[in-house]
Amino acid sequence: MKQPLLLLLFATTLPPIQAEKVSLQKGKGKVIVNIEGKLFTEYLYDGHGRSKPVLYPILGPGGARMTRDYPFKKGTPGEASDHPHHASLWFTHGEVNGISFWHVGKNTGVIKHQKFIKVDGNTISTTNKWLSAKGEEQCSDDTSISFHALGENRAIDFDITVHASSGNVKFGDTKEGSMGIRTNPALRVKGSVAKGQAINSEGIKGKAVWGKRAKWVDYWGPINGNTVGIAIFDHPGNQRHPTWWHARDYGLVAANPFGVHNFEGKPKGTGDLVIKSGEKVRFRYRFLFHAGDVKAAKISENYTTWAK
C-alpha cells in the first residue's frame, strides 16, 4: 500500500531527537565537563591541593550547586569548615594496608594520577597509583567516569577496578570510606541551614540511614527555591551488595562495603577485604543529581533500570 505523499514528506523532514551533548576539555590538572556548553563539573587530578582525584564543582538541575565549596573555597554562607578531606566527590578508603587514604595529613596516602586511557565523548578513563607518604605503591586502579544528561537531571557513573599491583592489598574494616560526597549544606538533615531529608531503599529515613545496608540512598531539599536531590546507587555486582552507608546528618554520604565493625559492632577486621597479588576487584556506582524529591524523581524505578 502506498503512503500518502504528505505523510512521507512529514516523516522525512522531522528533525532527529538528540540527547544533550556532553563535551570534555582538558585544562591544567583538570578536565572540564560541559553539557550543551554549560559547566557541569570538573575532574581535578593534579595541582589543586588534593591528595586524590575529585569532582568539583557539581552543578545539578537548574544550575544548583550540589556539593559543599569547602575546602576549595572558604567563607560560603552556611558552610561548616570541618573535615577538609570531604572534598566534593571522591573515591578512596581509610585503611589500605594500614594507611589512610581518606584523610589528609603528614602520614596519609596519596592517589596519584598516572595517565589518561581515554578522554572522549562523555567518558574520562584514568590509571592511578595509591602511594604511601614515602611514595611506596600499595595498589593501583583503572577508573572510568561517564557523564550523562537525563532531561533536567544529571548523572555520573563510576566504574573502578582496584588492582593488587604491588603484592597483596588489604582494604581494612573502618567506617572511613569509600565512594563519597559532601553535599550542599541545604541538603543536610541537621544544622543551622539544614533543610534536607534522607531515605534509603529499605524505607529507613533521616539520620537512621547511617550504618544500614541498602541498594541506594537519596538526600533532597530546597536549593535556590527549588527541590533537588542526590541519589547514590550501589551496583548489584559490587562486593557485599547491598553496601553499608557512612551517611551522616551533616552532609557526608558514602557507600562503604568494608566498615562492618563500626556499622554492626562486630569484631574489628570482620569487614577486611584482601585482594591477592595480581588480582583485582571492581566497584560501580551512580550519582543521580535530580529535580524533585525521592518520589517525584522516581529513584527506586531509576535504580532498577540502571542496575539491569
Protein backbone atom coordinates (compact mmCIF):
# COMPACT_ATOMS: atom_id res chain seq x y z
CA MET A 1 0.00 0.00 0.00
CA LYS A 2 1.40 3.40 -0.97
CA GLN A 3 1.85 6.00 1.78
CA PRO A 4 0.27 9.44 1.21
CA LEU A 5 2.82 11.88 -0.18
CA LEU A 6 2.20 14.36 2.66
CA LEU A 7 2.93 11.71 5.31
CA LEU A 8 6.13 10.69 3.56
CA LEU A 9 7.34 14.27 3.35
CA PHE A 10 6.49 14.85 7.02
CA ALA A 11 8.34 11.71 8.10
CA THR A 12 11.47 12.58 6.16
CA THR A 13 11.66 16.19 7.31
CA LEU A 14 11.23 15.68 11.07
CA PRO A 15 14.46 16.64 12.90
CA PRO A 16 16.11 13.80 14.83
CA ILE A 17 15.68 13.78 18.62
CA GLN A 18 19.14 14.36 20.07
CA ALA A 19 20.41 13.93 23.61
CA GLU A 20 22.05 16.89 25.26
CA LYS A 21 25.69 16.92 24.27
CA VAL A 22 28.45 16.25 26.79
CA SER A 23 31.83 17.74 25.93
CA LEU A 24 35.20 17.29 27.63
CA GLN A 25 38.05 19.80 27.57
CA LYS A 26 41.49 19.27 29.07
CA GLY A 27 42.90 22.05 31.23
CA LYS A 28 45.85 22.35 33.60
CA GLY A 29 45.47 19.47 36.04
CA LYS A 30 41.81 19.06 35.22
CA VAL A 31 39.20 18.04 32.67
CA ILE A 32 36.23 20.39 32.26
CA VAL A 33 32.87 18.69 31.68
CA ASN A 34 30.22 20.76 29.89
CA ILE A 35 26.66 19.89 28.88
CA GLU A 36 25.32 21.94 25.99
CA GLY A 37 28.17 24.38 26.54
CA LYS A 38 27.41 24.93 30.24
CA LEU A 39 29.63 23.75 33.08
CA PHE A 40 28.52 20.53 34.78
CA THR A 41 31.66 19.62 36.72
CA GLU A 42 35.46 19.49 36.62
CA TYR A 43 37.64 16.44 37.17
CA LEU A 44 40.58 17.69 39.28
CA TYR A 45 43.52 15.31 39.28
CA ASP A 46 46.72 17.32 39.78
CA GLY A 47 47.89 20.60 41.27
CA HIS A 48 44.74 21.51 43.18
CA GLY A 49 45.96 20.75 46.70
CA ARG A 50 44.15 17.42 46.82
CA SER A 51 45.53 14.03 47.83
CA LYS A 52 43.18 12.25 45.42
CA PRO A 53 41.26 12.97 42.20
CA VAL A 54 37.93 14.68 42.84
CA LEU A 55 34.97 16.21 41.00
CA TYR A 56 34.27 19.87 41.86
CA PRO A 57 32.12 21.85 41.44
CA ILE A 58 28.99 19.88 40.51
CA LEU A 59 26.03 21.80 39.12
CA GLY A 60 22.71 19.96 39.13
CA PRO A 61 19.20 20.75 37.88
CA GLY A 62 18.74 24.45 37.26
CA GLY A 63 22.41 25.07 37.93
CA ALA A 64 22.07 24.22 41.63
CA ARG A 65 25.40 23.83 43.45
CA MET A 66 25.15 20.22 44.66
CA THR A 67 28.29 19.89 46.82
CA ARG A 68 30.00 21.92 49.52
CA ASP A 69 32.57 24.54 48.42
CA TYR A 70 34.96 23.96 51.32
CA PRO A 71 37.88 23.14 51.22
CA PHE A 72 38.21 24.60 47.70
CA LYS A 73 36.61 27.90 48.74
CA LYS A 74 36.24 29.29 52.24
CA GLY A 75 33.52 31.50 53.63
CA THR A 76 30.50 30.31 51.67
CA PRO A 77 27.47 31.28 53.82
CA GLY A 78 26.05 28.38 55.81
CA GLU A 79 29.01 26.06 55.24
CA ALA A 80 30.94 24.32 58.01
CA SER A 81 34.73 24.32 57.66
CA ASP A 82 35.15 20.80 59.02
CA HIS A 83 36.61 17.58 57.60
CA PRO A 84 38.87 19.07 54.88
CA HIS A 85 39.18 15.59 53.37
CA HIS A 86 35.47 15.73 52.40
CA ALA A 87 36.34 17.26 49.04
CA SER A 88 33.11 17.38 46.99
CA LEU A 89 33.02 13.89 45.36
CA TRP A 90 35.70 11.20 45.51
CA PHE A 91 36.66 7.52 45.87
CA THR A 92 39.21 6.36 48.44
CA HIS A 93 39.47 4.45 51.73
CA GLY A 94 40.66 4.95 55.30
CA GLU A 95 42.72 1.76 55.74
CA VAL A 96 44.69 0.42 52.79
CA ASN A 97 47.49 -1.78 54.08
CA GLY A 98 47.06 0.20 57.30
CA ILE A 99 47.43 3.59 55.57
CA SER A 100 44.65 6.18 55.49
CA PHE A 101 43.89 7.49 52.03
CA TRP A 102 40.65 9.00 53.38
CA HIS A 103 42.23 11.72 55.50
CA VAL A 104 44.75 14.43 54.61
CA GLY A 105 47.91 14.92 56.64
CA LYS A 106 51.59 14.20 57.05
CA ASN A 107 51.44 10.40 57.11
CA THR A 108 48.44 9.78 54.88
CA GLY A 109 48.40 8.18 51.45
CA VAL A 110 48.08 9.85 48.06
CA ILE A 111 46.20 8.63 44.98
CA LYS A 112 48.41 9.83 42.13
CA HIS A 113 47.21 10.23 38.55
CA GLN A 114 49.43 8.30 36.11
CA LYS A 115 47.81 8.63 32.70
CA PHE A 116 44.60 9.02 30.77
CA ILE A 117 43.33 5.95 28.98
CA LYS A 118 40.51 7.91 27.37
CA VAL A 119 39.13 11.45 27.32
CA ASP A 120 36.45 11.31 24.68
CA GLY A 121 32.69 11.55 24.21
CA ASN A 122 31.19 11.53 27.70
CA THR A 123 33.90 9.44 29.39
CA ILE A 124 37.16 10.01 31.27
CA SER A 125 39.25 6.89 31.92
CA THR A 126 42.42 7.02 34.02
CA THR A 127 45.09 4.94 35.71
CA ASN A 128 46.13 5.91 39.24
CA LYS A 129 48.63 4.66 41.82
CA TRP A 130 47.93 4.56 45.55
CA LEU A 131 51.15 5.64 47.27
CA SER A 132 52.22 5.81 50.91
CA ALA A 133 53.65 9.02 52.37
CA LYS A 134 57.07 7.59 51.43
CA GLY A 135 55.98 7.02 47.83
CA GLU A 136 55.63 3.24 48.12
CA GLU A 137 52.94 1.77 45.88
CA GLN A 138 50.16 -0.07 47.73
CA CYS A 139 47.86 -0.76 44.79
CA SER A 140 46.57 0.88 41.61
CA ASP A 141 43.26 1.49 39.92
CA ASP A 142 41.72 1.94 36.49
CA THR A 143 38.76 4.28 36.79
CA SER A 144 36.19 5.19 34.17
CA ILE A 145 33.84 8.12 34.84
CA SER A 146 30.98 8.83 32.46
CA PHE A 147 28.68 11.83 32.47
CA HIS A 148 25.03 11.89 31.40
CA ALA A 149 22.28 14.43 30.75
CA LEU A 150 18.89 12.89 31.52
CA GLY A 151 16.48 15.69 30.75
CA GLU A 152 16.95 18.21 33.55
CA ASN A 153 18.69 15.57 35.68
CA ARG A 154 22.40 14.76 35.58
CA ALA A 155 24.22 11.50 36.31
CA ILE A 156 27.82 10.43 36.93
CA ASP A 157 28.77 6.76 36.67
CA PHE A 158 31.93 5.39 38.29
CA ASP A 159 33.48 2.10 37.17
CA ILE A 160 36.54 1.43 39.34
CA THR A 161 38.85 -1.57 39.17
CA VAL A 162 41.38 -1.82 42.01
CA HIS A 163 44.48 -3.89 41.17
CA ALA A 164 46.75 -5.60 43.69
CA SER A 165 49.69 -4.40 41.61
CA SER A 166 52.37 -4.49 44.34
CA GLY A 167 51.58 -7.60 46.35
CA ASN A 168 48.54 -8.35 48.47
CA VAL A 169 46.46 -5.31 49.42
CA LYS A 170 44.06 -5.10 52.34
CA PHE A 171 41.12 -2.71 52.43
CA GLY A 172 40.56 -2.57 56.17
CA ASP A 173 37.49 -2.63 58.35
CA THR A 174 36.77 1.07 59.02
CA LYS A 175 33.84 3.42 58.58
CA GLU A 176 36.17 5.93 56.90
CA GLY A 177 35.37 5.20 53.26
CA SER A 178 34.80 4.92 50.39
CA MET A 179 32.68 6.28 47.46
CA GLY A 180 31.76 9.60 48.97
CA ILE A 181 30.19 13.02 48.50
CA ARG A 182 29.79 16.05 50.78
CA THR A 183 26.53 17.72 49.91
CA ASN A 184 25.45 21.33 49.69
CA PRO A 185 24.67 22.32 53.30
CA ALA A 186 20.99 22.85 52.43
CA LEU A 187 20.73 19.06 51.95
CA ARG A 188 21.96 18.37 55.47
CA VAL A 189 19.47 16.68 57.78
CA LYS A 190 20.84 18.56 60.83
CA GLY A 191 22.40 22.01 61.24
CA SER A 192 21.65 25.72 61.17
CA VAL A 193 20.87 25.82 57.44
CA ALA A 194 19.73 22.19 57.12
CA LYS A 195 16.56 21.67 55.11
CA GLY A 196 17.26 18.19 53.79
CA GLN A 197 15.61 14.82 54.07
CA ALA A 198 17.10 11.36 53.57
CA ILE A 199 15.79 7.89 52.83
CA ASN A 200 17.27 4.59 51.67
CA SER A 201 15.96 1.77 49.51
CA GLU A 202 14.64 -0.04 52.60
CA GLY A 203 12.47 2.90 53.68
CA ILE A 204 14.72 3.97 56.58
CA LYS A 205 14.70 7.75 56.97
CA GLY A 206 16.81 10.62 58.30
CA LYS A 207 19.99 10.08 60.27
CA ALA A 208 18.98 6.43 60.84
CA VAL A 209 20.30 5.60 57.33
CA TRP A 210 23.82 5.64 58.82
CA GLY A 211 25.39 2.19 59.04
CA LYS A 212 22.49 0.44 57.33
CA ARG A 213 22.70 -1.75 54.25
CA ALA A 214 20.78 -0.52 51.21
CA LYS A 215 20.81 -0.52 47.42
CA TRP A 216 20.61 3.27 47.33
CA VAL A 217 20.41 6.38 49.46
CA ASP A 218 18.76 9.68 48.49
CA TYR A 219 19.13 13.14 50.06
CA TRP A 220 16.98 16.05 48.88
CA GLY A 221 15.89 19.54 49.85
CA PRO A 222 15.46 23.13 48.60
CA ILE A 223 18.36 24.94 46.90
CA ASN A 224 17.66 28.38 45.45
CA GLY A 225 13.94 27.81 45.93
CA ASN A 226 13.81 24.53 44.00
CA THR A 227 13.74 21.00 45.40
CA VAL A 228 16.71 18.96 44.17
CA GLY A 229 18.49 15.86 45.41
CA ILE A 230 21.41 13.47 45.22
CA ALA A 231 20.85 9.72 44.96
CA ILE A 232 23.75 7.26 45.10
CA PHE A 233 23.30 3.79 43.62
CA ASP A 234 25.27 0.68 44.61
CA HIS A 235 25.60 -1.78 41.72
CA PRO A 236 24.36 -5.36 42.34
CA GLY A 237 27.71 -6.69 41.11
CA ASN A 238 29.69 -4.87 43.79
CA GLN A 239 31.39 -6.65 46.66
CA ARG A 240 28.97 -7.20 49.57
CA HIS A 241 25.98 -5.64 47.85
CA PRO A 242 23.83 -4.10 49.24
CA THR A 243 26.52 -1.94 50.77
CA TRP A 244 26.61 -0.22 54.15
CA TRP A 245 26.35 3.58 54.19
CA HIS A 246 28.58 6.01 56.06
CA ALA A 247 25.81 8.59 55.61
CA ARG A 248 25.79 11.37 58.20
CA ASP A 249 23.20 14.01 59.07
CA TYR A 250 25.75 16.79 58.35
CA GLY A 251 26.09 16.10 54.62
CA LEU A 252 28.62 13.28 54.22
CA VAL A 253 27.19 10.38 52.20
CA ALA A 254 29.48 7.44 51.38
CA ALA A 255 29.00 3.87 50.20
CA ASN A 256 31.30 1.66 52.27
CA PRO A 257 31.42 -2.14 51.86
CA PHE A 258 34.20 -2.57 54.46
CA GLY A 259 33.24 -0.92 57.79
CA VAL A 260 31.39 -3.83 59.40
CA HIS A 261 33.00 -3.25 62.82
CA ASN A 262 31.65 0.29 63.10
CA PHE A 263 28.33 -0.31 61.40
CA GLU A 264 27.31 -3.58 63.07
CA GLY A 265 29.52 -3.77 66.16
CA LYS A 266 31.25 -6.93 65.02
CA PRO A 267 34.92 -7.67 65.86
CA LYS A 268 37.46 -5.37 64.22
CA GLY A 269 38.67 -6.96 60.98
CA THR A 270 35.36 -8.62 60.10
CA GLY A 271 34.99 -6.30 57.12
CA ASP A 272 38.57 -6.62 55.83
CA LEU A 273 38.89 -7.33 52.12
CA VAL A 274 42.20 -8.75 50.91
CA ILE A 275 42.94 -8.62 47.20
CA LYS A 276 45.67 -11.13 46.44
CA SER A 277 48.71 -10.10 44.41
CA GLY A 278 47.88 -9.85 40.71
CA GLU A 279 44.12 -9.97 41.28
CA LYS A 280 41.53 -7.19 41.04
CA VAL A 281 38.15 -6.06 42.38
CA ARG A 282 35.58 -3.96 40.56
CA PHE A 283 33.19 -1.35 42.01
CA ARG A 284 30.40 0.50 40.18
CA TYR A 285 28.28 3.41 41.41
CA ARG A 286 25.93 6.03 40.02
CA PHE A 287 25.33 9.55 41.35
CA LEU A 288 22.00 10.93 40.17
CA PHE A 289 21.51 14.68 40.62
CA HIS A 290 17.78 15.09 40.30
CA ALA A 291 14.92 17.56 40.40
CA GLY A 292 12.17 16.95 42.95
CA ASP A 293 12.02 14.66 45.96
CA VAL A 294 12.55 10.90 46.07
CA LYS A 295 9.05 10.16 44.74
CA ALA A 296 8.97 12.82 42.03
CA ALA A 297 12.38 11.71 40.78
CA LYS A 298 11.31 8.03 40.79
CA ILE A 299 14.54 6.99 42.46
CA SER A 300 13.51 3.36 43.02
CA GLU A 301 12.49 2.96 39.37
CA ASN A 302 15.65 4.72 38.18
CA TYR A 303 17.76 2.38 40.27
CA THR A 304 16.07 -0.71 38.84
CA THR A 305 16.64 0.50 35.28
CA TRP A 306 20.29 1.36 35.91
CA ALA A 307 21.08 -1.87 37.77
CA LYS A 308 19.95 -4.21 34.98
